[in-house]
All heavy atoms as atom14 arrays in JSON, in Angstrom:
{
  "sequence": "VRYMVKICGPQREVLDAIRAVDGVLHAEISSEREKDSFTYHVESEHS",
  "atom14_mask": [
    [1, 1, 1, 1, 1, 1, 1, 0, 0, 0, 0, 0, 0, 0],
    [1, 1, 1, 1, 1, 1, 1, 1, 1, 1, 1, 0, 0, 0],
    [1, 1, 1, 1, 1, 1, 1, 1, 1, 1, 1, 1, 0, 0],
    [1, 1, 1, 1, 1, 1, 1, 1, 0, 0, 0, 0, 0, 0],
    [1, 1, 1, 1, 1, 1, 1, 0, 0, 0, 0, 0, 0, 0],
    [1, 1, 1, 1, 1, 1, 1, 1, 1, 0, 0, 0, 0, 0],
    [1, 1, 1, 1, 1, 1, 1, 1, 0, 0, 0, 0, 0, 0],
    [1, 1, 1, 1, 1, 1, 0, 0, 0, 0, 0, 0, 0, 0],
    [1, 1, 1, 1, 0, 0, 0, 0, 0, 0, 0, 0, 0, 0],
    [1, 1, 1, 1, 1, 1, 1, 0, 0, 0, 0, 0, 0, 0],
    [1, 1, 1, 1, 1, 1, 1, 1, 1, 0, 0, 0, 0, 0],
    [1, 1, 1, 1, 1, 1, 1, 1, 1, 1, 1, 0, 0, 0],
    [1, 1, 1, 1, 1, 1, 1, 1, 1, 0, 0, 0, 0, 0],
    [1, 1, 1, 1, 1, 1, 1, 0, 0, 0, 0, 0, 0, 0],
    [1, 1, 1, 1, 1, 1, 1, 1, 0, 0, 0, 0, 0, 0],
    [1, 1, 1, 1, 1, 1, 1, 1, 0, 0, 0, 0, 0, 0],
    [1, 1, 1, 1, 1, 0, 0, 0, 0, 0, 0, 0, 0, 0],
    [1, 1, 1, 1, 1, 1, 1, 1, 0, 0, 0, 0, 0, 0],
    [1, 1, 1, 1, 1, 1, 1, 1, 1, 1, 1, 0, 0, 0],
    [1, 1, 1, 1, 1, 0, 0, 0, 0, 0, 0, 0, 0, 0],
    [1, 1, 1, 1, 1, 1, 1, 0, 0, 0, 0, 0, 0, 0],
    [1, 1, 1, 1, 1, 1, 1, 1, 0, 0, 0, 0, 0, 0],
    [1, 1, 1, 1, 0, 0, 0, 0, 0, 0, 0, 0, 0, 0],
    [1, 1, 1, 1, 1, 1, 1, 0, 0, 0, 0, 0, 0, 0],
    [1, 1, 1, 1, 1, 1, 1, 1, 0, 0, 0, 0, 0, 0],
    [1, 1, 1, 1, 1, 1, 1, 1, 1, 1, 0, 0, 0, 0],
    [1, 1, 1, 1, 1, 0, 0, 0, 0, 0, 0, 0, 0, 0],
    [1, 1, 1, 1, 1, 1, 1, 1, 1, 0, 0, 0, 0, 0],
    [1, 1, 1, 1, 1, 1, 1, 1, 0, 0, 0, 0, 0, 0],
    [1, 1, 1, 1, 1, 1, 0, 0, 0, 0, 0, 0, 0, 0],
    [1, 1, 1, 1, 1, 1, 0, 0, 0, 0, 0, 0, 0, 0],
    [1, 1, 1, 1, 1, 1, 1, 1, 1, 0, 0, 0, 0, 0],
    [1, 1, 1, 1, 1, 1, 1, 1, 1, 1, 1, 0, 0, 0],
    [1, 1, 1, 1, 1, 1, 1, 1, 1, 0, 0, 0, 0, 0],
    [1, 1, 1, 1, 1, 1, 1, 1, 1, 0, 0, 0, 0, 0],
    [1, 1, 1, 1, 1, 1, 1, 1, 0, 0, 0, 0, 0, 0],
    [1, 1, 1, 1, 1, 1, 0, 0, 0, 0, 0, 0, 0, 0],
    [1, 1, 1, 1, 1, 1, 1, 1, 1, 1, 1, 0, 0, 0],
    [1, 1, 1, 1, 1, 1, 1, 0, 0, 0, 0, 0, 0, 0],
    [1, 1, 1, 1, 1, 1, 1, 1, 1, 1, 1, 1, 0, 0],
    [1, 1, 1, 1, 1, 1, 1, 1, 1, 1, 0, 0, 0, 0],
    [1, 1, 1, 1, 1, 1, 1, 0, 0, 0, 0, 0, 0, 0],
    [1, 1, 1, 1, 1, 1, 1, 1, 1, 0, 0, 0, 0, 0],
    [1, 1, 1, 1, 1, 1, 0, 0, 0, 0, 0, 0, 0, 0],
    [1, 1, 1, 1, 1, 1, 1, 1, 1, 0, 0, 0, 0, 0],
    [1, 1, 1, 1, 1, 1, 1, 1, 1, 1, 0, 0, 0, 0],
    [1, 1, 1, 1, 1, 1, 0, 0, 0, 0, 0, 0, 0, 0]
  ],
  "atom14_positions": [
    [[22.25, 166.5, 49.59], [21.19, 166.63, 48.56], [21.39, 165.38, 47.57], [22.48, 164.96, 47.26], [21.5, 167.91, 47.65], [20.39, 168.04, 46.66], [21.48, 169.11, 48.58], [0.0, 0.0, 0.0], [0.0, 0.0, 0.0], [0.0, 0.0, 0.0], [0.0, 0.0, 0.0], [0.0, 0.0, 0.0], [0.0, 0.0, 0.0], [0.0, 0.0, 0.0]],
    [[20.27, 164.79, 47.27], [20.29, 163.63, 46.35], [19.46, 163.96, 45.08], [18.42, 164.61, 45.1], [19.6, 162.4, 47.02], [20.35, 161.94, 48.26], [19.77, 160.66, 48.87], [18.44, 160.95, 49.44], [18.28, 161.31, 50.71], [19.32, 161.53, 51.48], [17.04, 161.56, 51.18], [0.0, 0.0, 0.0], [0.0, 0.0, 0.0], [0.0, 0.0, 0.0]],
    [[20.09, 163.5, 43.91], [19.52, 163.69, 42.58], [19.26, 162.41, 41.95], [20.06, 161.43, 42.11], [20.39, 164.6, 41.75], [20.51, 165.94, 42.2], [21.66, 166.36, 43.04], [19.6, 166.98, 41.87], [21.79, 167.66, 43.54], [19.78, 168.32, 42.36], [20.88, 168.62, 43.16], [21.0, 169.93, 43.55], [0.0, 0.0, 0.0], [0.0, 0.0, 0.0]],
    [[18.21, 162.33, 41.16], [18.01, 161.32, 40.23], [18.36, 161.77, 38.84], [17.82, 162.85, 38.37], [16.52, 160.83, 40.21], [16.23, 159.6, 39.36], [16.11, 160.04, 37.58], [14.64, 161.09, 37.55], [0.0, 0.0, 0.0], [0.0, 0.0, 0.0], [0.0, 0.0, 0.0], [0.0, 0.0, 0.0], [0.0, 0.0, 0.0], [0.0, 0.0, 0.0]],
    [[19.34, 161.14, 38.14], [19.82, 161.58, 36.91], [19.77, 160.47, 35.89], [20.19, 159.3, 36.11], [21.31, 162.08, 37.03], [21.81, 162.79, 35.72], [21.5, 162.94, 38.21], [0.0, 0.0, 0.0], [0.0, 0.0, 0.0], [0.0, 0.0, 0.0], [0.0, 0.0, 0.0], [0.0, 0.0, 0.0], [0.0, 0.0, 0.0], [0.0, 0.0, 0.0]],
    [[19.24, 160.79, 34.63], [19.17, 159.84, 33.57], [20.21, 160.31, 32.51], [20.16, 161.41, 32.03], [17.81, 159.79, 32.97], [16.79, 159.14, 33.86], [15.4, 158.99, 33.19], [14.41, 158.28, 34.16], [13.09, 158.14, 33.48], [0.0, 0.0, 0.0], [0.0, 0.0, 0.0], [0.0, 0.0, 0.0], [0.0, 0.0, 0.0], [0.0, 0.0, 0.0]],
    [[21.12, 159.42, 32.17], [22.22, 159.74, 31.27], [22.44, 158.63, 30.15], [22.3, 157.48, 30.51], [23.56, 159.88, 32.0], [23.45, 160.94, 33.12], [24.76, 160.23, 31.09], [24.59, 160.99, 34.05], [0.0, 0.0, 0.0], [0.0, 0.0, 0.0], [0.0, 0.0, 0.0], [0.0, 0.0, 0.0], [0.0, 0.0, 0.0], [0.0, 0.0, 0.0]],
    [[22.58, 159.05, 28.89], [22.87, 158.14, 27.8], [24.31, 157.98, 27.75], [25.06, 158.91, 27.62], [22.28, 158.73, 26.53], [20.51, 159.05, 26.47], [0.0, 0.0, 0.0], [0.0, 0.0, 0.0], [0.0, 0.0, 0.0], [0.0, 0.0, 0.0], [0.0, 0.0, 0.0], [0.0, 0.0, 0.0], [0.0, 0.0, 0.0], [0.0, 0.0, 0.0]],
    [[24.75, 156.67, 27.83], [26.17, 156.39, 27.72], [26.47, 155.02, 28.33], [25.53, 154.45, 28.92], [0.0, 0.0, 0.0], [0.0, 0.0, 0.0], [0.0, 0.0, 0.0], [0.0, 0.0, 0.0], [0.0, 0.0, 0.0], [0.0, 0.0, 0.0], [0.0, 0.0, 0.0], [0.0, 0.0, 0.0], [0.0, 0.0, 0.0], [0.0, 0.0, 0.0]],
    [[27.67, 154.56, 28.15], [28.07, 153.25, 28.79], [27.99, 153.25, 30.24], [28.56, 154.1, 30.88], [29.5, 153.03, 28.31], [30.0, 154.45, 27.94], [28.85, 155.21, 27.5], [0.0, 0.0, 0.0], [0.0, 0.0, 0.0], [0.0, 0.0, 0.0], [0.0, 0.0, 0.0], [0.0, 0.0, 0.0], [0.0, 0.0, 0.0], [0.0, 0.0, 0.0]],
    [[27.11, 152.38, 30.79], [26.75, 152.41, 32.14], [27.88, 152.51, 33.19], [27.95, 153.42, 33.95], [25.88, 151.19, 32.46], [25.23, 151.15, 33.8], [24.37, 149.86, 34.02], [24.87, 148.78, 33.71], [23.19, 150.04, 34.53], [0.0, 0.0, 0.0], [0.0, 0.0, 0.0], [0.0, 0.0, 0.0], [0.0, 0.0, 0.0], [0.0, 0.0, 0.0]],
    [[28.8, 151.7, 33.1], [29.98, 151.59, 33.99], [30.86, 152.79, 33.97], [31.3, 153.41, 34.88], [30.72, 150.31, 33.96], [31.88, 150.07, 34.94], [31.5, 150.27, 36.35], [30.4, 149.35, 36.7], [29.9, 149.36, 37.96], [30.27, 150.21, 38.91], [28.91, 148.47, 38.2], [0.0, 0.0, 0.0], [0.0, 0.0, 0.0], [0.0, 0.0, 0.0]],
    [[31.14, 153.26, 32.69], [31.99, 154.35, 32.48], [31.28, 155.61, 32.98], [31.95, 156.53, 33.52], [32.32, 154.52, 30.99], [33.26, 153.37, 30.46], [33.51, 153.53, 29.0], [33.73, 154.68, 28.53], [33.47, 152.47, 28.25], [0.0, 0.0, 0.0], [0.0, 0.0, 0.0], [0.0, 0.0, 0.0], [0.0, 0.0, 0.0], [0.0, 0.0, 0.0]],
    [[29.99, 155.81, 32.71], [29.24, 156.92, 33.23], [29.35, 156.98, 34.72], [29.55, 158.02, 35.32], [27.82, 156.92, 32.72], [26.95, 157.98, 33.41], [27.73, 157.07, 31.26], [0.0, 0.0, 0.0], [0.0, 0.0, 0.0], [0.0, 0.0, 0.0], [0.0, 0.0, 0.0], [0.0, 0.0, 0.0], [0.0, 0.0, 0.0], [0.0, 0.0, 0.0]],
    [[29.12, 155.87, 35.41], [29.15, 155.87, 36.81], [30.47, 156.31, 37.38], [30.56, 157.07, 38.34], [28.83, 154.43, 37.37], [28.84, 154.26, 38.91], [27.73, 155.18, 39.51], [28.57, 152.82, 39.18], [0.0, 0.0, 0.0], [0.0, 0.0, 0.0], [0.0, 0.0, 0.0], [0.0, 0.0, 0.0], [0.0, 0.0, 0.0], [0.0, 0.0, 0.0]],
    [[31.57, 155.79, 36.75], [32.95, 156.17, 37.2], [33.11, 157.72, 37.04], [33.71, 158.37, 37.9], [33.99, 155.39, 36.49], [33.95, 153.87, 36.83], [33.47, 153.6, 37.9], [34.51, 153.08, 36.02], [0.0, 0.0, 0.0], [0.0, 0.0, 0.0], [0.0, 0.0, 0.0], [0.0, 0.0, 0.0], [0.0, 0.0, 0.0], [0.0, 0.0, 0.0]],
    [[32.61, 158.22, 35.91], [32.73, 159.63, 35.62], [31.97, 160.48, 36.63], [32.44, 161.6, 37.06], [32.37, 159.89, 34.22], [0.0, 0.0, 0.0], [0.0, 0.0, 0.0], [0.0, 0.0, 0.0], [0.0, 0.0, 0.0], [0.0, 0.0, 0.0], [0.0, 0.0, 0.0], [0.0, 0.0, 0.0], [0.0, 0.0, 0.0], [0.0, 0.0, 0.0]],
    [[30.79, 160.08, 36.92], [29.99, 160.75, 37.91], [30.69, 160.83, 39.24], [30.84, 161.9, 39.95], [28.59, 160.03, 38.13], [27.77, 160.26, 36.9], [27.9, 160.67, 39.28], [26.46, 159.43, 36.9], [0.0, 0.0, 0.0], [0.0, 0.0, 0.0], [0.0, 0.0, 0.0], [0.0, 0.0, 0.0], [0.0, 0.0, 0.0], [0.0, 0.0, 0.0]],
    [[31.23, 159.7, 39.69], [31.9, 159.64, 41.01], [33.13, 160.55, 41.07], [33.59, 160.93, 42.13], [32.32, 158.2, 41.3], [31.14, 157.28, 41.66], [31.44, 155.83, 41.75], [30.39, 155.04, 42.31], [30.25, 153.71, 42.32], [31.33, 153.02, 41.88], [29.26, 153.13, 42.77], [0.0, 0.0, 0.0], [0.0, 0.0, 0.0], [0.0, 0.0, 0.0]],
    [[33.71, 160.79, 39.87], [34.88, 161.7, 39.78], [34.56, 163.2, 39.79], [35.53, 164.03, 39.85], [35.75, 161.33, 38.59], [0.0, 0.0, 0.0], [0.0, 0.0, 0.0], [0.0, 0.0, 0.0], [0.0, 0.0, 0.0], [0.0, 0.0, 0.0], [0.0, 0.0, 0.0], [0.0, 0.0, 0.0], [0.0, 0.0, 0.0], [0.0, 0.0, 0.0]],
    [[33.3, 163.51, 39.67], [32.83, 164.94, 39.58], [33.03, 165.61, 40.95], [32.7, 165.08, 41.96], [31.41, 164.99, 39.16], [30.92, 166.45, 39.32], [31.29, 164.59, 37.69], [0.0, 0.0, 0.0], [0.0, 0.0, 0.0], [0.0, 0.0, 0.0], [0.0, 0.0, 0.0], [0.0, 0.0, 0.0], [0.0, 0.0, 0.0], [0.0, 0.0, 0.0]],
    [[33.54, 166.85, 40.89], [33.78, 167.6, 42.16], [32.45, 167.87, 42.8], [31.58, 168.34, 42.22], [34.49, 168.92, 41.81], [34.89, 169.73, 43.0], [35.14, 169.11, 44.05], [34.87, 171.04, 42.91], [0.0, 0.0, 0.0], [0.0, 0.0, 0.0], [0.0, 0.0, 0.0], [0.0, 0.0, 0.0], [0.0, 0.0, 0.0], [0.0, 0.0, 0.0]],
    [[32.35, 167.55, 44.09], [31.19, 167.73, 44.85], [30.33, 166.51, 45.06], [29.47, 166.52, 45.94], [0.0, 0.0, 0.0], [0.0, 0.0, 0.0], [0.0, 0.0, 0.0], [0.0, 0.0, 0.0], [0.0, 0.0, 0.0], [0.0, 0.0, 0.0], [0.0, 0.0, 0.0], [0.0, 0.0, 0.0], [0.0, 0.0, 0.0], [0.0, 0.0, 0.0]],
    [[30.58, 165.5, 44.26], [29.78, 164.24, 44.35], [30.38, 163.44, 45.59], [31.53, 163.07, 45.59], [29.79, 163.4, 43.09], [29.2, 162.05, 43.26], [29.07, 164.21, 41.95], [0.0, 0.0, 0.0], [0.0, 0.0, 0.0], [0.0, 0.0, 0.0], [0.0, 0.0, 0.0], [0.0, 0.0, 0.0], [0.0, 0.0, 0.0], [0.0, 0.0, 0.0]],
    [[29.43, 163.03, 46.48], [29.89, 162.18, 47.6], [29.61, 160.76, 47.36], [30.38, 159.83, 47.76], [29.07, 162.65, 48.87], [29.28, 164.02, 49.37], [28.35, 164.33, 50.58], [30.75, 164.26, 49.73], [0.0, 0.0, 0.0], [0.0, 0.0, 0.0], [0.0, 0.0, 0.0], [0.0, 0.0, 0.0], [0.0, 0.0, 0.0], [0.0, 0.0, 0.0]],
    [[28.52, 160.38, 46.65], [28.14, 159.04, 46.43], [27.38, 158.9, 45.17], [26.54, 159.84, 44.84], [27.32, 158.52, 47.61], [26.86, 157.13, 47.5], [27.69, 156.02, 47.5], [25.55, 156.64, 47.19], [26.95, 154.94, 47.33], [25.7, 155.28, 47.08], [0.0, 0.0, 0.0], [0.0, 0.0, 0.0], [0.0, 0.0, 0.0], [0.0, 0.0, 0.0]],
    [[27.49, 157.86, 44.42], [26.68, 157.59, 43.27], [26.45, 156.17, 43.04], [27.34, 155.31, 43.34], [27.31, 158.18, 41.98], [0.0, 0.0, 0.0], [0.0, 0.0, 0.0], [0.0, 0.0, 0.0], [0.0, 0.0, 0.0], [0.0, 0.0, 0.0], [0.0, 0.0, 0.0], [0.0, 0.0, 0.0], [0.0, 0.0, 0.0], [0.0, 0.0, 0.0]],
    [[25.23, 155.75, 42.58], [24.97, 154.36, 42.34], [24.01, 154.31, 41.14], [23.29, 155.16, 40.84], [24.41, 153.71, 43.55], [23.05, 154.35, 43.99], [22.55, 153.66, 45.27], [23.31, 153.18, 46.08], [21.32, 153.78, 45.54], [0.0, 0.0, 0.0], [0.0, 0.0, 0.0], [0.0, 0.0, 0.0], [0.0, 0.0, 0.0], [0.0, 0.0, 0.0]],
    [[24.05, 153.09, 40.58], [23.19, 152.86, 39.35], [21.88, 152.26, 39.81], [21.77, 151.43, 40.69], [23.9, 151.81, 38.46], [25.17, 152.38, 37.89], [22.89, 151.56, 37.22], [26.02, 151.35, 37.14], [0.0, 0.0, 0.0], [0.0, 0.0, 0.0], [0.0, 0.0, 0.0], [0.0, 0.0, 0.0], [0.0, 0.0, 0.0], [0.0, 0.0, 0.0]],
    [[20.74, 152.74, 39.23], [19.44, 152.22, 39.5], [19.17, 151.14, 38.47], [19.79, 151.06, 37.4], [18.39, 153.3, 39.4], [17.07, 152.73, 39.4], [0.0, 0.0, 0.0], [0.0, 0.0, 0.0], [0.0, 0.0, 0.0], [0.0, 0.0, 0.0], [0.0, 0.0, 0.0], [0.0, 0.0, 0.0], [0.0, 0.0, 0.0], [0.0, 0.0, 0.0]],
    [[18.27, 150.26, 38.8], [17.83, 149.19, 37.87], [16.97, 149.71, 36.73], [16.75, 149.03, 35.76], [17.09, 148.08, 38.6], [15.94, 148.62, 39.26], [0.0, 0.0, 0.0], [0.0, 0.0, 0.0], [0.0, 0.0, 0.0], [0.0, 0.0, 0.0], [0.0, 0.0, 0.0], [0.0, 0.0, 0.0], [0.0, 0.0, 0.0], [0.0, 0.0, 0.0]],
    [[16.54, 150.95, 36.9], [15.64, 151.58, 35.87], [16.38, 151.88, 34.59], [17.49, 152.44, 34.67], [15.02, 152.83, 36.46], [14.0, 153.45, 35.52], [13.44, 154.74, 36.17], [13.54, 154.99, 37.4], [12.74, 155.49, 35.38], [0.0, 0.0, 0.0], [0.0, 0.0, 0.0], [0.0, 0.0, 0.0], [0.0, 0.0, 0.0], [0.0, 0.0, 0.0]],
    [[15.86, 151.58, 33.44], [16.39, 151.88, 32.17], [15.34, 152.27, 31.25], [14.21, 151.78, 31.21], [17.15, 150.61, 31.59], [17.77, 150.89, 30.25], [18.62, 149.71, 29.81], [19.2, 149.97, 28.46], [20.02, 149.15, 27.89], [20.3, 147.97, 28.41], [20.58, 149.44, 26.72], [0.0, 0.0, 0.0], [0.0, 0.0, 0.0], [0.0, 0.0, 0.0]],
    [[15.7, 153.33, 30.48], [14.71, 153.82, 29.45], [15.47, 153.97, 28.12], [16.28, 154.89, 27.95], [14.17, 155.16, 29.85], [13.08, 155.77, 28.92], [12.58, 157.04, 29.41], [12.73, 157.42, 30.62], [12.02, 157.79, 28.62], [0.0, 0.0, 0.0], [0.0, 0.0, 0.0], [0.0, 0.0, 0.0], [0.0, 0.0, 0.0], [0.0, 0.0, 0.0]],
    [[15.19, 153.09, 27.12], [15.9, 153.06, 25.89], [17.37, 153.02, 26.07], [17.88, 152.08, 26.67], [15.44, 154.26, 25.05], [13.91, 154.23, 24.69], [13.61, 155.39, 23.77], [12.06, 155.31, 23.41], [11.67, 156.46, 22.49], [0.0, 0.0, 0.0], [0.0, 0.0, 0.0], [0.0, 0.0, 0.0], [0.0, 0.0, 0.0], [0.0, 0.0, 0.0]],
    [[18.2, 154.06, 25.66], [19.55, 154.03, 25.77], [20.07, 154.84, 27.0], [21.29, 155.17, 27.05], [20.2, 154.61, 24.55], [19.85, 155.96, 24.23], [18.77, 156.46, 24.79], [20.57, 156.65, 23.43], [0.0, 0.0, 0.0], [0.0, 0.0, 0.0], [0.0, 0.0, 0.0], [0.0, 0.0, 0.0], [0.0, 0.0, 0.0], [0.0, 0.0, 0.0]],
    [[19.18, 155.22, 27.9], [19.63, 155.89, 29.09], [19.5, 155.06, 30.33], [18.57, 154.2, 30.46], [18.86, 157.22, 29.28], [17.51, 156.87, 29.63], [0.0, 0.0, 0.0], [0.0, 0.0, 0.0], [0.0, 0.0, 0.0], [0.0, 0.0, 0.0], [0.0, 0.0, 0.0], [0.0, 0.0, 0.0], [0.0, 0.0, 0.0], [0.0, 0.0, 0.0]],
    [[20.43, 155.28, 31.28], [20.41, 154.62, 32.59], [20.16, 155.69, 33.7], [20.48, 156.81, 33.54], [21.72, 153.84, 32.87], [21.95, 152.78, 31.91], [22.71, 152.94, 30.81], [21.49, 151.43, 32.24], [22.85, 151.85, 29.87], [21.74, 150.36, 31.35], [22.43, 150.59, 30.18], [0.0, 0.0, 0.0], [0.0, 0.0, 0.0], [0.0, 0.0, 0.0]],
    [[19.6, 155.22, 34.76], [19.27, 156.09, 35.87], [20.3, 155.96, 36.96], [20.66, 154.74, 37.38], [17.86, 155.78, 36.45], [16.9, 155.96, 35.45], [17.58, 156.68, 37.63], [0.0, 0.0, 0.0], [0.0, 0.0, 0.0], [0.0, 0.0, 0.0], [0.0, 0.0, 0.0], [0.0, 0.0, 0.0], [0.0, 0.0, 0.0], [0.0, 0.0, 0.0]],
    [[20.76, 157.08, 37.5], [21.8, 157.07, 38.59], [21.23, 157.95, 39.77], [20.52, 158.93, 39.58], [23.02, 157.63, 37.99], [23.61, 156.97, 36.88], [23.15, 157.32, 35.57], [24.57, 156.0, 36.95], [23.62, 156.69, 34.47], [25.08, 155.31, 35.85], [24.57, 155.75, 34.6], [25.06, 155.03, 33.47], [0.0, 0.0, 0.0], [0.0, 0.0, 0.0]],
    [[21.6, 157.52, 40.91], [21.2, 158.26, 42.14], [22.54, 158.88, 42.64], [23.51, 158.18, 43.0], [20.64, 157.42, 43.2], [19.29, 156.83, 42.67], [18.15, 157.67, 42.73], [18.96, 155.65, 42.23], [17.14, 156.91, 42.23], [17.61, 155.72, 41.93], [0.0, 0.0, 0.0], [0.0, 0.0, 0.0], [0.0, 0.0, 0.0], [0.0, 0.0, 0.0]],
    [[22.56, 160.2, 42.66], [23.82, 160.97, 43.0], [23.62, 161.8, 44.24], [22.53, 162.51, 44.33], [24.15, 161.87, 41.82], [25.56, 162.48, 42.08], [24.24, 161.04, 40.47], [0.0, 0.0, 0.0], [0.0, 0.0, 0.0], [0.0, 0.0, 0.0], [0.0, 0.0, 0.0], [0.0, 0.0, 0.0], [0.0, 0.0, 0.0], [0.0, 0.0, 0.0]],
    [[24.58, 161.78, 45.13], [24.39, 162.52, 46.41], [25.58, 163.58, 46.47], [26.7, 163.24, 46.21], [24.49, 161.59, 47.6], [24.35, 162.23, 48.96], [24.26, 161.17, 50.03], [23.71, 160.08, 49.79], [24.65, 161.5, 51.21], [0.0, 0.0, 0.0], [0.0, 0.0, 0.0], [0.0, 0.0, 0.0], [0.0, 0.0, 0.0], [0.0, 0.0, 0.0]],
    [[25.29, 164.77, 46.92], [26.27, 165.78, 47.16], [26.06, 166.49, 48.44], [25.02, 166.32, 49.02], [26.31, 166.77, 45.98], [25.07, 167.61, 46.01], [0.0, 0.0, 0.0], [0.0, 0.0, 0.0], [0.0, 0.0, 0.0], [0.0, 0.0, 0.0], [0.0, 0.0, 0.0], [0.0, 0.0, 0.0], [0.0, 0.0, 0.0], [0.0, 0.0, 0.0]],
    [[27.08, 167.25, 48.87], [26.94, 167.95, 50.15], [25.83, 169.02, 49.98], [25.6, 169.59, 48.95], [28.23, 168.68, 50.51], [29.4, 167.77, 50.79], [30.68, 168.45, 51.14], [30.58, 169.69, 51.31], [31.74, 167.85, 51.18], [0.0, 0.0, 0.0], [0.0, 0.0, 0.0], [0.0, 0.0, 0.0], [0.0, 0.0, 0.0], [0.0, 0.0, 0.0]],
    [[25.08, 169.25, 51.14], [23.88, 170.11, 51.13], [24.3, 171.54, 50.8], [23.52, 172.27, 50.28], [23.18, 170.06, 52.47], [23.87, 170.78, 53.57], [24.97, 170.12, 54.27], [23.83, 172.02, 54.08], [25.41, 170.99, 55.16], [24.72, 172.15, 55.1], [0.0, 0.0, 0.0], [0.0, 0.0, 0.0], [0.0, 0.0, 0.0], [0.0, 0.0, 0.0]],
    [[25.57, 171.93, 51.04], [26.01, 173.3, 50.85], [26.69, 173.5, 49.43], [27.1, 174.57, 49.19], [26.98, 173.79, 51.95], [28.13, 172.84, 51.94], [0.0, 0.0, 0.0], [0.0, 0.0, 0.0], [0.0, 0.0, 0.0], [0.0, 0.0, 0.0], [0.0, 0.0, 0.0], [0.0, 0.0, 0.0], [0.0, 0.0, 0.0], [0.0, 0.0, 0.0]]
  ]
}
């Protein structure tokens, strides 16, 4: 399962925190930005 997530926070630190979340298999930063939020693409197991 893949999600598009917009989060307000320091870009690199947010990405590291997402990757440390239980169940997350992969996460990457998108080039898309809206004001103080960045877009991330996050993948988890289908189950």
